Protein backbone atom coordinates (compact mmCIF):
# COMPACT_ATOMS: atom_id res chain seq x y z
CA MET A 1 -9.71 55.85 24.91
CA HIS A 2 -6.77 58.12 25.90
CA GLU A 3 -6.70 61.45 25.28
CA SER A 4 -4.33 62.75 22.70
CA LEU A 5 -2.34 65.58 22.50
CA TYR A 6 -2.60 66.62 18.93
CA ILE A 7 -6.08 67.89 17.55
CA GLY A 8 -8.13 67.30 14.25
CA VAL A 9 -7.11 65.02 11.92
CA MET A 10 -3.65 64.76 13.71
CA GLY A 11 -5.67 63.32 16.77
CA HIS A 12 -7.61 60.47 16.01
CA GLY A 13 -7.55 58.98 12.73
CA HIS A 14 -10.29 56.87 11.38
CA GLY A 15 -9.68 54.95 8.07
CA HIS A 16 -12.92 54.91 6.03
CA GLY A 17 -11.96 53.36 2.93
CA VAL A 18 -15.25 52.02 2.52
CA SER A 19 -16.87 51.55 -0.97
CA PRO A 20 -21.13 51.46 -0.80
CA ASP A 21 -21.44 48.11 -1.72
CA ARG A 22 -18.92 47.38 1.31
CA ALA A 23 -20.52 49.45 3.36
CA THR A 24 -22.58 46.65 5.08
CA SER A 25 -22.02 43.32 6.99
CA ALA A 26 -21.27 40.36 5.01
CA SER A 27 -24.37 38.60 5.85
CA ALA A 28 -26.48 41.44 4.08
CA ARG A 29 -25.15 41.54 0.90
CA TYR A 30 -26.94 37.74 0.29
CA VAL A 31 -30.23 38.40 2.14
CA GLY A 32 -32.02 37.46 -0.95
CA ARG A 33 -30.39 34.18 -1.52
CA LEU A 34 -30.92 33.56 2.06
CA TRP A 35 -34.75 34.33 1.31
CA ILE A 36 -34.80 31.87 -1.14
CA ALA A 37 -33.21 29.19 0.84
CA PHE A 38 -35.80 29.74 3.44
CA GLY A 39 -38.59 29.10 1.10
CA ILE A 40 -37.05 26.23 -0.40
CA GLY A 41 -36.38 24.66 3.05
CA ALA A 42 -39.75 25.45 4.61
CA VAL A 43 -41.70 23.66 1.85
CA PHE A 44 -39.32 20.48 2.05
CA MET A 45 -39.33 20.16 5.79
CA ALA A 46 -43.16 19.87 5.93
CA VAL A 47 -42.61 17.04 2.97
CA GLU A 48 -40.21 15.14 5.02
CA PHE A 49 -42.05 15.31 8.43
CA GLY A 50 -45.07 14.06 6.73
CA VAL A 51 -43.31 11.19 5.03
CA GLY A 52 -41.57 10.17 8.06
CA LEU A 53 -44.40 10.61 10.33
CA ALA A 54 -46.38 7.87 8.12
CA THR A 55 -43.60 5.91 7.63
CA SER A 56 -42.00 5.80 11.35
CA SER A 57 -38.71 6.35 9.49
CA LEU A 58 -36.03 7.65 12.18
CA ALA A 59 -33.87 8.32 8.91
CA LEU A 60 -36.01 10.68 7.39
CA LEU A 61 -37.38 12.23 10.59
CA SER A 62 -33.83 13.21 11.60
CA ASP A 63 -33.32 14.56 8.18
CA ALA A 64 -36.58 16.42 8.77
CA ALA A 65 -35.58 17.74 12.02
CA HIS A 66 -32.19 19.19 10.38
CA MET A 67 -34.14 20.84 7.93
CA LEU A 68 -36.55 22.57 11.16
CA THR A 69 -32.86 23.44 12.20
CA ASP A 70 -32.39 25.22 8.55
CA VAL A 71 -35.38 26.87 8.44
CA LEU A 72 -34.76 28.11 12.11
CA GLY A 73 -31.48 28.78 11.77
CA LEU A 74 -31.99 30.45 8.33
CA GLY A 75 -34.95 32.62 9.64
CA MET A 76 -32.80 33.77 12.31
CA ALA A 77 -30.06 34.47 10.49
CA LEU A 78 -32.49 36.81 8.30
CA ALA A 79 -34.01 38.28 11.08
CA ALA A 80 -30.64 39.26 12.29
CA VAL A 81 -30.08 41.03 9.24
CA VAL A 82 -32.84 43.16 8.59
CA VAL A 83 -32.58 44.07 12.04
CA ALA A 84 -29.03 45.11 11.97
CA ARG A 85 -29.74 46.89 8.60
CA ARG A 86 -32.70 48.91 10.01
CA ALA A 87 -31.25 49.69 13.11
CA GLY A 88 -28.41 51.19 12.01
CA THR A 89 -26.34 53.35 14.85
CA GLY A 90 -27.31 56.41 17.31
CA PRO A 91 -25.82 58.28 20.58
CA ASN A 92 -26.12 55.03 22.73
CA ARG A 93 -25.74 52.41 19.87
CA THR A 94 -22.63 53.25 18.01
CA PHE A 95 -21.83 50.07 16.68
CA GLY A 96 -25.22 49.26 15.77
CA LEU A 97 -26.88 45.54 16.15
CA TYR A 98 -24.72 43.70 13.84
CA ARG A 99 -23.59 41.29 16.99
CA ALA A 100 -27.10 39.92 16.31
CA GLU A 101 -25.82 38.15 13.18
CA VAL A 102 -23.14 36.38 15.49
CA LEU A 103 -25.90 35.50 18.41
CA ALA A 104 -27.98 33.62 15.26
CA ALA A 105 -25.11 32.11 14.52
CA LEU A 106 -24.19 31.04 18.24
CA ALA A 107 -27.93 29.88 18.19
CA ASN A 108 -27.58 28.01 15.09
CA ALA A 109 -25.05 25.98 16.58
CA VAL A 110 -27.35 25.20 19.93
CA LEU A 111 -30.08 23.82 17.90
CA LEU A 112 -27.70 21.60 15.72
CA PHE A 113 -25.95 20.47 19.02
CA GLY A 114 -29.41 19.90 20.22
CA VAL A 115 -30.91 17.61 17.41
CA ALA A 116 -27.75 15.75 16.38
CA GLY A 117 -27.79 14.35 20.20
CA TYR A 118 -31.10 13.32 20.31
CA VAL A 119 -30.76 11.44 16.67
CA VAL A 120 -28.06 9.77 18.08
CA SER A 121 -29.61 8.92 21.29
CA GLU A 122 -33.04 7.88 19.88
CA ALA A 123 -30.93 5.27 16.99
CA VAL A 124 -28.88 4.17 19.52
CA GLY A 125 -32.57 3.01 21.04
CA ARG A 126 -33.76 1.50 17.97
CA PHE A 127 -30.63 -1.32 17.24
CA SER A 128 -32.12 -3.57 19.80
CA ASP A 129 -35.69 -3.41 17.79
CA PRO A 130 -35.73 -1.94 14.53
CA PRO A 131 -39.17 -1.11 13.55
CA SER A 132 -39.94 -1.83 9.68
CA VAL A 133 -39.97 1.24 7.41
CA PRO A 134 -41.34 1.08 4.09
CA GLY A 135 -38.45 1.59 1.81
CA LEU A 136 -40.11 3.11 -1.34
CA PRO A 137 -41.93 6.55 0.38
CA VAL A 138 -38.40 6.91 2.23
CA LEU A 139 -36.75 6.74 -0.75
CA LEU A 140 -39.19 9.47 -3.00
CA ALA A 141 -38.98 11.65 0.33
CA ALA A 142 -35.19 11.46 0.27
CA VAL A 143 -34.68 12.23 -3.35
CA LEU A 144 -37.04 15.31 -2.70
CA GLY A 145 -35.27 16.70 -0.34
CA LEU A 146 -31.50 16.13 -1.75
CA GLY A 147 -32.91 17.96 -4.67
CA ALA A 148 -33.97 20.90 -2.46
CA ASN A 149 -30.64 20.68 -0.29
CA VAL A 150 -28.70 20.66 -3.44
CA VAL A 151 -29.97 24.19 -4.64
CA ALA A 152 -29.80 25.96 -0.97
CA PHE A 153 -26.20 24.50 -0.71
CA PHE A 154 -25.15 26.61 -4.06
CA LEU A 155 -27.18 29.66 -3.07
CA LEU A 156 -25.21 30.39 0.29
CA ARG A 157 -21.74 28.84 -0.90
CA GLU A 158 -20.37 32.00 -1.50
CA GLY A 159 -21.49 33.89 1.35
CA ALA A 160 -20.27 31.31 3.22
CA LYS A 161 -16.87 31.99 3.02
CA GLU A 162 -17.31 35.43 3.98
CA SER A 163 -19.93 35.72 6.56
CA ILE A 164 -20.10 33.62 9.97
CA THR A 165 -24.01 33.72 9.98
CA LEU A 166 -24.35 32.01 6.26
CA ARG A 167 -21.78 29.72 7.39
CA GLY A 168 -23.96 28.67 9.66
CA ALA A 169 -27.02 28.22 7.67
CA HIS A 170 -24.37 26.75 5.09
CA LEU A 171 -23.12 24.18 7.62
CA GLU A 172 -26.84 23.26 8.53
CA VAL A 173 -27.61 22.74 4.82
CA LEU A 174 -24.47 20.49 4.27
CA ALA A 175 -25.78 18.32 7.23
CA ASP A 176 -29.33 18.11 5.17
CA LEU A 177 -27.61 17.51 2.22
CA ILE A 178 -25.60 14.87 3.45
CA GLY A 179 -28.51 13.51 5.24
CA SER A 180 -30.86 13.41 2.43
CA ILE A 181 -27.89 11.29 0.90
CA GLY A 182 -27.85 9.19 3.81
CA VAL A 183 -31.72 8.63 4.00
CA LEU A 184 -31.78 7.94 -0.16
CA ILE A 185 -28.87 5.13 0.41
CA SER A 186 -31.53 3.69 3.55
CA GLY A 187 -34.26 3.52 1.27
CA LEU A 188 -32.57 1.92 -0.72
CA LEU A 189 -31.05 -0.83 1.32
CA THR A 190 -34.58 -1.59 3.03
CA LEU A 191 -35.95 -1.68 -0.36
CA THR A 192 -33.89 -4.14 -2.05
CA LEU A 193 -32.43 -6.16 1.24
CA GLY A 194 -34.95 -5.43 3.66
CA TRP A 195 -32.14 -4.88 6.11
CA ARG A 196 -33.96 -2.92 8.99
CA HIS A 197 -30.93 -1.76 10.60
CA ALA A 198 -30.12 0.65 8.19
CA ASP A 199 -32.46 3.28 9.46
CA PRO A 200 -30.53 3.69 12.68
CA VAL A 201 -27.18 3.17 11.52
CA VAL A 202 -27.99 6.03 8.75
CA GLY A 203 -29.44 8.44 11.54
CA VAL A 204 -26.14 7.68 14.03
CA ALA A 205 -24.07 8.65 11.36
CA ILE A 206 -26.00 11.68 10.40
CA GLY A 207 -25.90 12.70 13.96
CA LEU A 208 -21.96 12.21 14.40
CA PHE A 209 -21.58 13.97 10.80
CA VAL A 210 -22.68 17.07 12.47
CA LEU A 211 -21.63 17.43 15.59
CA PRO A 212 -17.76 18.28 15.03
CA ARG A 213 -18.73 20.89 12.47
CA THR A 214 -21.11 22.69 14.88
CA PHE A 215 -18.34 22.73 17.65
CA GLN A 216 -16.35 24.80 15.24
CA LEU A 217 -19.35 26.90 14.39
CA ALA A 218 -19.94 27.54 17.33
CA ARG A 219 -16.01 28.65 18.69
CA ARG A 220 -16.06 30.79 15.76
CA SER A 221 -19.24 32.70 17.21
CA LEU A 222 -17.72 32.80 20.51
CA ARG A 223 -14.55 34.22 19.57
CA ILE A 224 -16.45 37.30 17.98
CA LEU A 225 -18.48 37.76 20.88
CA PHE A 226 -15.70 37.65 22.69
CA GLN A 227 -13.54 40.34 20.93
CA HIS A 228 -10.69 38.06 20.17
CA ALA A 229 -8.73 38.94 17.00
CA PRO A 230 -9.85 37.52 14.13
CA GLU A 231 -7.86 34.22 13.03
CA ARG A 232 -6.30 35.43 9.79
CA ILE A 233 -4.77 38.26 12.17
CA ASP A 234 -1.57 38.01 13.35
CA VAL A 235 -1.90 40.70 16.05
CA GLY A 236 2.10 40.70 17.51
CA GLU A 237 3.34 40.81 13.36
CA MET A 238 0.64 43.64 13.03
CA GLN A 239 1.84 45.69 15.92
CA HIS A 240 5.45 44.88 14.70
CA ALA A 241 4.49 46.64 11.31
CA LEU A 242 2.87 49.41 13.01
CA GLY A 243 5.78 50.24 15.24
CA CYS A 244 8.04 49.98 11.68
CA LEU A 245 6.71 52.75 10.01
CA PRO A 246 8.47 56.11 9.09
CA GLY A 247 8.36 58.51 11.82
CA VAL A 248 7.00 56.28 14.26
CA ALA A 249 8.76 54.93 17.83
CA GLU A 250 6.57 52.46 19.29
CA ALA A 251 3.03 51.12 18.68
CA HIS A 252 1.11 50.06 21.71
CA ASP A 253 -2.31 49.69 23.21
CA LEU A 254 -3.21 47.50 20.07
CA HIS A 255 -6.56 46.23 19.76
CA VAL A 256 -8.03 44.34 16.83
CA TRP A 257 -11.66 42.79 16.86
CA THR A 258 -14.74 41.75 15.08
CA LEU A 259 -18.05 43.24 14.89
CA THR A 260 -19.52 40.64 12.59
CA SER A 261 -18.81 39.05 9.59
CA GLY A 262 -16.79 41.11 7.05
CA MET A 263 -16.47 43.89 9.60
CA GLU A 264 -13.27 44.15 11.33
CA VAL A 265 -12.01 46.86 13.71
CA ALA A 266 -8.75 47.95 15.34
CA SER A 267 -7.43 51.09 17.47
CA ALA A 268 -3.82 51.97 18.41
CA HIS A 269 -1.70 54.12 19.86
CA LEU A 270 1.54 55.25 18.05
CA THR A 271 4.05 57.13 19.51
CA THR A 272 6.23 59.02 17.25
CA ILE A 273 10.14 60.23 17.50
CA ARG A 274 11.13 64.01 17.30
CA ASP A 275 9.92 66.17 14.70
CA ALA A 276 7.50 63.40 12.89
CA ASP A 277 4.81 64.51 10.66
CA PRO A 278 1.84 63.48 12.73
CA ALA A 279 -0.78 63.87 9.80
CA GLU A 280 1.56 61.48 7.55
CA VAL A 281 1.89 58.98 10.31
CA LEU A 282 -1.84 58.90 10.20
CA ARG A 283 -1.97 58.57 7.00
CA SER A 284 0.44 55.57 6.69
CA ALA A 285 -0.57 53.40 9.57
CA GLN A 286 -4.53 53.72 7.91
CA ARG A 287 -3.01 52.56 4.69
CA LEU A 288 -0.82 49.90 6.33
CA LEU A 289 -4.32 48.31 7.55
CA SER A 290 -6.34 48.97 4.86
CA GLU A 291 -3.70 47.20 2.25
CA ARG A 292 -2.18 44.58 4.15
CA TYR A 293 -4.39 43.39 6.62
CA ARG A 294 -8.28 44.39 5.36
CA ILE A 295 -9.12 46.65 8.28
CA GLU A 296 -11.12 49.77 6.82
CA HIS A 297 -12.04 51.34 10.33
CA ALA A 298 -9.39 52.13 12.59
CA THR A 299 -9.13 54.77 15.49
CA LEU A 300 -5.42 55.53 15.74
CA GLN A 301 -3.92 57.78 18.31
CA VAL A 302 -0.96 59.38 17.16
CA GLU A 303 1.32 60.92 20.15
CA PRO A 304 4.65 62.21 20.93
CA GLY A 305 7.12 59.96 22.98
CA GLU A 306 6.79 62.04 26.15
CA SER A 307 3.18 61.50 26.27
CA ALA A 308 3.05 57.71 25.84
CA SER A 309 3.87 56.94 29.46
CA ARG A 310 0.00 58.28 30.07
CA CYS A 311 -1.36 54.78 28.74
CA GLY A 312 0.01 53.03 31.27
CA GLU A 313 -2.22 54.23 33.82
CA MET A 314 -5.22 51.93 32.57
CA SER A 315 -4.51 48.58 34.50
CA TRP A 316 -7.02 46.53 32.33
């Protein structure tokens, strides 16, 4: 950060209008629901794997594999949230370990890619000689799995709107929910019509349903890790709005990024006109960022016009 010519509150300003319940990541506010979803997933994953292996049902095994990624993904999300909350910040860790939550979401996406690819590949190989799969055990296991996924889906739905970590977990649960419905259909077709191709067809359908959604999850995670501006914010419009504040001649060196879901930060230099009150400029900019853009932490450097040229010294 470039050095300001003002001191104290007139130099660097930090917007800290964060209420106690918001002074944490979005993921941390839903950690209880994550634990419940994790427990439900672990129990029914074991049931589906057992029945799937006993019946050689690819559809059921693929659904169990997706549930395994649920359990692993929820476990990574829980670990990331707990580590981020307990680690806090320090002299050499000024932003804490909140990025661990984003890494968990990205790892979740990698797991989903792997499982979906394996299921599609295995299903294609089975089309030429589909095995005989007993319909009733598959049907019963699918009903149990469907019930578990419905509960987990509603537990995580609200948090998925705020947190990329919960969005990843919610996506996996949604994929499992669709998968359980597919396995249910597969079991019904096998039981009533004896159609042996129902199982691999459902396996392919589950894999193809998951892949595009997994791509979106990975894309969002990488945007945060590469420190891109949040998609909801038009940085050019924000810079214009800051530049139009009373007493501001120009806003430049603006940076906006996401630390983790629910934690967005910004920094900017505000060049003032002659006789402008730096403290009032600072308060106006903080209020604008908080009220219009929902950014509660902003580092703002207020500088007179004659010092603004010094910012051009940095080439990056």
